[in-house]
Structure formats: structure tokens, C-alpha cells
């Protein structure tokens, strides 16, 4: 089981994945984290997460989330910092592609199983990614 976290501009999204599917998920707006952060810890502990992986467009906010991650799952691994995101980045300037978009593209590729896919993310901004 893996605790996955996506740190966005307006919220943190989390999920616990067992290799076959997502067993728990949630979204917490940053102003609500102090009151609701326990949801992340409970999901990770109840489902037996063994590691934490972070995708982030706001690394500076990780310390606030780290408080809610069970200690045995730390240190967390960060996509692009600790491991390469396994997808070809065809941006004209690859460094401009956000980690969130790359991870969404990986998920779409896995779900599409060889077919084309379009990812529309309704986050702080609406982004469209073609896979």
C-alpha cells in the first residue's frame, strides 16, 4: 500500500493505493489542513500504507502536510526529485511541465492501455494534457 499525496496551489489531494486500485482518497483545502489533516493519517494507518510518495507543485507546503503523515512512512519520496516520472515529456521546455501534469499523464496512459487520452484537470487552473 502506498500513500500518495499531491500538493497543489489550493489543496492537498491524497489517496491510498494497493497496486490494484485506490482504496481511500480525499482532498483538503490548505486552510482546512489543521482541522482535517488527521484524515490523511487515518487512511494511511487503517489501510496499512508502507511508504509515502509526493507529487508537488508547492514543495514549500510539505512541512504542513508532513505533520499528518505517519512517522513510519517518512521520509517521503518526491516525484522528479527522488525518482524520474516514467513518461516522455514533449514540452518545448520540459522544465515547465508541472509534476502534477506529468503524474496525471502517467495515470491516463495506464488507464488508456495503448489508446490516446486527454486529461482535464480542474484545479486552481484548468489544464489539458494529451497523452
C-alpha atoms as a PDB file:
ATOM      1  CA  UNK A   1       0.000   0.000   0.000  1.00  0.00           C
ATOM      2  CA  UNK A   2       1.208   3.457  -0.931  1.00  0.00           C
ATOM      3  CA  UNK A   3       0.077   6.800   0.466  1.00  0.00           C
ATOM      4  CA  UNK A   4       0.106   9.235  -2.438  1.00  0.00           C
ATOM      5  CA  UNK A   5      -0.044  12.982  -1.925  1.00  0.00           C
ATOM      6  CA  UNK A   6      -0.419  15.756  -4.487  1.00  0.00           C
ATOM      7  CA  UNK A   7       0.400  19.221  -3.170  1.00  0.00           C
ATOM      8  CA  UNK A   8      -1.360  21.783  -5.325  1.00  0.00           C
ATOM      9  CA  UNK A   9      -1.751  25.519  -5.128  1.00  0.00           C
ATOM     10  CA  UNK A  10      -5.106  25.413  -3.362  1.00  0.00           C
ATOM     11  CA  UNK A  11      -5.294  21.932  -1.807  1.00  0.00           C
ATOM     12  CA  UNK A  12      -3.612  18.680  -0.939  1.00  0.00           C
ATOM     13  CA  UNK A  13      -5.101  15.562  -2.504  1.00  0.00           C
ATOM     14  CA  UNK A  14      -4.328  12.160  -1.038  1.00  0.00           C
ATOM     15  CA  UNK A  15      -5.054   8.543  -1.726  1.00  0.00           C
ATOM     16  CA  UNK A  16      -4.011   5.091  -0.606  1.00  0.00           C
ATOM     17  CA  UNK A  17      -3.303   2.676  -3.464  1.00  0.00           C
ATOM     18  CA  UNK A  18      -2.851  -1.082  -3.146  1.00  0.00           C
ATOM     19  CA  UNK A  19      -1.484  -1.804  -6.626  1.00  0.00           C
ATOM     20  CA  UNK A  20      -4.901  -2.703  -7.999  1.00  0.00           C
ATOM     21  CA  UNK A  21      -6.806   0.461  -7.196  1.00  0.00           C
ATOM     22  CA  UNK A  22      -7.336   3.394  -4.886  1.00  0.00           C
ATOM     23  CA  UNK A  23      -8.729   2.316  -1.517  1.00  0.00           C
ATOM     24  CA  UNK A  24      -9.211   5.760   0.018  1.00  0.00           C
ATOM     25  CA  UNK A  25      -8.976   9.303  -1.289  1.00  0.00           C
ATOM     26  CA  UNK A  26      -9.658  12.842  -0.281  1.00  0.00           C
ATOM     27  CA  UNK A  27      -8.998  16.495  -0.926  1.00  0.00           C
ATOM     28  CA  UNK A  28      -8.289  19.080   1.745  1.00  0.00           C
ATOM     29  CA  UNK A  29      -8.102  22.800   1.041  1.00  0.00           C
ATOM     30  CA  UNK A  30      -4.984  24.346   2.593  1.00  0.00           C
ATOM     31  CA  UNK A  31      -6.903  26.497   5.141  1.00  0.00           C
ATOM     32  CA  UNK A  32      -8.651  23.312   6.389  1.00  0.00           C
ATOM     33  CA  UNK A  33      -5.497  21.208   6.829  1.00  0.00           C
ATOM     34  CA  UNK A  34      -5.068  21.858  10.559  1.00  0.00           C
ATOM     35  CA  UNK A  35      -8.634  20.701  11.248  1.00  0.00           C
ATOM     36  CA  UNK A  36      -8.785  17.824   8.743  1.00  0.00           C
ATOM     37  CA  UNK A  37      -5.200  16.582   8.401  1.00  0.00           C
ATOM     38  CA  UNK A  38      -5.997  13.576  10.585  1.00  0.00           C
ATOM     39  CA  UNK A  39      -7.907  12.131   7.602  1.00  0.00           C
ATOM     40  CA  UNK A  40      -4.577  11.538   5.857  1.00  0.00           C
ATOM     41  CA  UNK A  41      -3.070   9.775   8.880  1.00  0.00           C
ATOM     42  CA  UNK A  42      -6.178   7.631   9.472  1.00  0.00           C
ATOM     43  CA  UNK A  43      -6.380   6.483   5.846  1.00  0.00           C
ATOM     44  CA  UNK A  44      -2.685   5.576   5.783  1.00  0.00           C
ATOM     45  CA  UNK A  45      -2.794   3.670   9.083  1.00  0.00           C
ATOM     46  CA  UNK A  46      -6.142   1.926   8.587  1.00  0.00           C
ATOM     47  CA  UNK A  47      -5.137   0.627   5.156  1.00  0.00           C
ATOM     48  CA  UNK A  48      -1.555  -0.255   6.096  1.00  0.00           C
ATOM     49  CA  UNK A  49       0.389   2.123   3.847  1.00  0.00           C
ATOM     50  CA  UNK A  50       4.078   1.228   3.752  1.00  0.00           C
ATOM     51  CA  UNK A  51       5.502   4.318   2.044  1.00  0.00           C
ATOM     52  CA  UNK A  52       4.550   7.853   1.038  1.00  0.00           C
ATOM     53  CA  UNK A  53       5.072   9.365  -2.409  1.00  0.00           C
ATOM     54  CA  UNK A  54       4.583  13.069  -3.089  1.00  0.00           C
ATOM     55  CA  UNK A  55       3.844  14.916  -6.299  1.00  0.00           C
ATOM     56  CA  UNK A  56       4.102  18.621  -5.760  1.00  0.00           C
ATOM     57  CA  UNK A  57       3.846  21.993  -7.394  1.00  0.00           C
ATOM     58  CA  UNK A  58       4.329  23.546  -3.916  1.00  0.00           C
ATOM     59  CA  UNK A  59       7.258  21.848  -2.136  1.00  0.00           C
ATOM     60  CA  UNK A  60       7.261  24.735   0.354  1.00  0.00           C
ATOM     61  CA  UNK A  61       3.946  23.450   1.780  1.00  0.00           C
ATOM     62  CA  UNK A  62       5.179  19.932   2.508  1.00  0.00           C
ATOM     63  CA  UNK A  63       6.159  20.657   6.145  1.00  0.00           C
ATOM     64  CA  UNK A  64       2.487  21.383   6.942  1.00  0.00           C
ATOM     65  CA  UNK A  65       1.414  18.057   5.420  1.00  0.00           C
ATOM     66  CA  UNK A  66       4.330  16.103   6.864  1.00  0.00           C
ATOM     67  CA  UNK A  67       2.810  16.564  10.322  1.00  0.00           C
ATOM     68  CA  UNK A  68      -0.103  14.346   9.237  1.00  0.00           C
ATOM     69  CA  UNK A  69       1.935  11.521   7.694  1.00  0.00           C
ATOM     70  CA  UNK A  70       2.605   8.555   9.995  1.00  0.00           C
ATOM     71  CA  UNK A  71       6.274   8.675  11.093  1.00  0.00           C
ATOM     72  CA  UNK A  72       6.992   5.174   9.780  1.00  0.00           C
ATOM     73  CA  UNK A  73       6.245   6.423   6.233  1.00  0.00           C
ATOM     74  CA  UNK A  74       8.870   9.173   6.403  1.00  0.00           C
ATOM     75  CA  UNK A  75      10.914  10.316   4.681  1.00  0.00           C
ATOM     76  CA  UNK A  76       8.515  10.598   1.756  1.00  0.00           C
ATOM     77  CA  UNK A  77       9.776  10.242  -1.821  1.00  0.00           C
ATOM     78  CA  UNK A  78       9.170  13.179  -4.166  1.00  0.00           C
ATOM     79  CA  UNK A  79       8.434  12.703  -7.863  1.00  0.00           C
ATOM     80  CA  UNK A  80      11.095  14.416 -10.020  1.00  0.00           C
ATOM     81  CA  UNK A  81      13.390  14.944  -7.025  1.00  0.00           C
ATOM     82  CA  UNK A  82      13.833  11.364  -5.812  1.00  0.00           C
ATOM     83  CA  UNK A  83      12.772   9.487  -8.941  1.00  0.00           C
ATOM     84  CA  UNK A  84      12.059  10.186 -12.598  1.00  0.00           C
ATOM     85  CA  UNK A  85       8.397  10.332 -13.618  1.00  0.00           C
ATOM     86  CA  UNK A  86       8.125   7.464 -16.144  1.00  0.00           C
ATOM     87  CA  UNK A  87       6.744   9.293 -19.169  1.00  0.00           C
ATOM     88  CA  UNK A  88       8.275  11.120 -22.112  1.00  0.00           C
ATOM     89  CA  UNK A  89       7.907  14.859 -21.597  1.00  0.00           C
ATOM     90  CA  UNK A  90       7.487  16.524 -25.009  1.00  0.00           C
ATOM     91  CA  UNK A  91       7.107  20.077 -23.746  1.00  0.00           C
ATOM     92  CA  UNK A  92       9.177  22.518 -25.766  1.00  0.00           C
ATOM     93  CA  UNK A  93      10.771  23.470 -22.432  1.00  0.00           C
ATOM     94  CA  UNK A  94      10.399  20.265 -20.340  1.00  0.00           C
ATOM     95  CA  UNK A  95      11.193  22.027 -17.055  1.00  0.00           C
ATOM     96  CA  UNK A  96       7.931  23.976 -17.423  1.00  0.00           C
ATOM     97  CA  UNK A  97       5.756  20.870 -17.212  1.00  0.00           C
ATOM     98  CA  UNK A  98       4.367  20.646 -13.693  1.00  0.00           C
ATOM     99  CA  UNK A  99       4.810  17.451 -11.727  1.00  0.00           C
ATOM    100  CA  UNK A 100       1.027  17.260 -11.307  1.00  0.00           C
ATOM    101  CA  UNK A 101       0.527  17.211 -15.093  1.00  0.00           C
ATOM    102  CA  UNK A 102       3.200  14.572 -15.622  1.00  0.00           C
ATOM    103  CA  UNK A 103       1.718  12.303 -12.956  1.00  0.00           C
ATOM    104  CA  UNK A 104      -1.779  12.761 -14.400  1.00  0.00           C
ATOM    105  CA  UNK A 105      -0.380  11.799 -17.811  1.00  0.00           C
ATOM    106  CA  UNK A 106       1.157   8.620 -16.356  1.00  0.00           C
ATOM    107  CA  UNK A 107      -2.185   7.683 -14.788  1.00  0.00           C
ATOM    108  CA  UNK A 108      -4.045   8.378 -18.052  1.00  0.00           C
ATOM    109  CA  UNK A 109      -1.548   6.288 -20.017  1.00  0.00           C
ATOM    110  CA  UNK A 110      -2.079   3.362 -17.642  1.00  0.00           C
ATOM    111  CA  UNK A 111      -5.853   3.636 -17.813  1.00  0.00           C
ATOM    112  CA  UNK A 112      -5.957   4.110 -21.611  1.00  0.00           C
ATOM    113  CA  UNK A 113      -3.803   0.999 -22.201  1.00  0.00           C
ATOM    114  CA  UNK A 114      -2.277   1.991 -25.521  1.00  0.00           C
ATOM    115  CA  UNK A 115      -5.033   4.334 -26.678  1.00  0.00           C
ATOM    116  CA  UNK A 116      -4.895   8.119 -26.783  1.00  0.00           C
ATOM    117  CA  UNK A 117      -6.196  10.040 -23.788  1.00  0.00           C
ATOM    118  CA  UNK A 118      -6.958  13.607 -22.778  1.00  0.00           C
ATOM    119  CA  UNK A 119      -6.615  14.707 -19.168  1.00  0.00           C
ATOM    120  CA  UNK A 120      -8.560  17.741 -17.987  1.00  0.00           C
ATOM    121  CA  UNK A 121      -7.574  18.921 -14.505  1.00  0.00           C
ATOM    122  CA  UNK A 122      -9.942  21.337 -12.793  1.00  0.00           C
ATOM    123  CA  UNK A 123      -7.509  22.559 -10.126  1.00  0.00           C
ATOM    124  CA  UNK A 124      -6.582  26.149  -9.398  1.00  0.00           C
ATOM    125  CA  UNK A 125      -6.317  26.496 -13.164  1.00  0.00           C
ATOM    126  CA  UNK A 126      -7.868  24.290 -15.821  1.00  0.00           C
ATOM    127  CA  UNK A 127      -5.179  22.339 -17.649  1.00  0.00           C
ATOM    128  CA  UNK A 128      -5.499  19.975 -20.596  1.00  0.00           C
ATOM    129  CA  UNK A 129      -2.891  17.298 -21.288  1.00  0.00           C
ATOM    130  CA  UNK A 130      -2.829  14.980 -24.311  1.00  0.00           C
ATOM    131  CA  UNK A 131      -1.381  11.505 -23.823  1.00  0.00           C
END
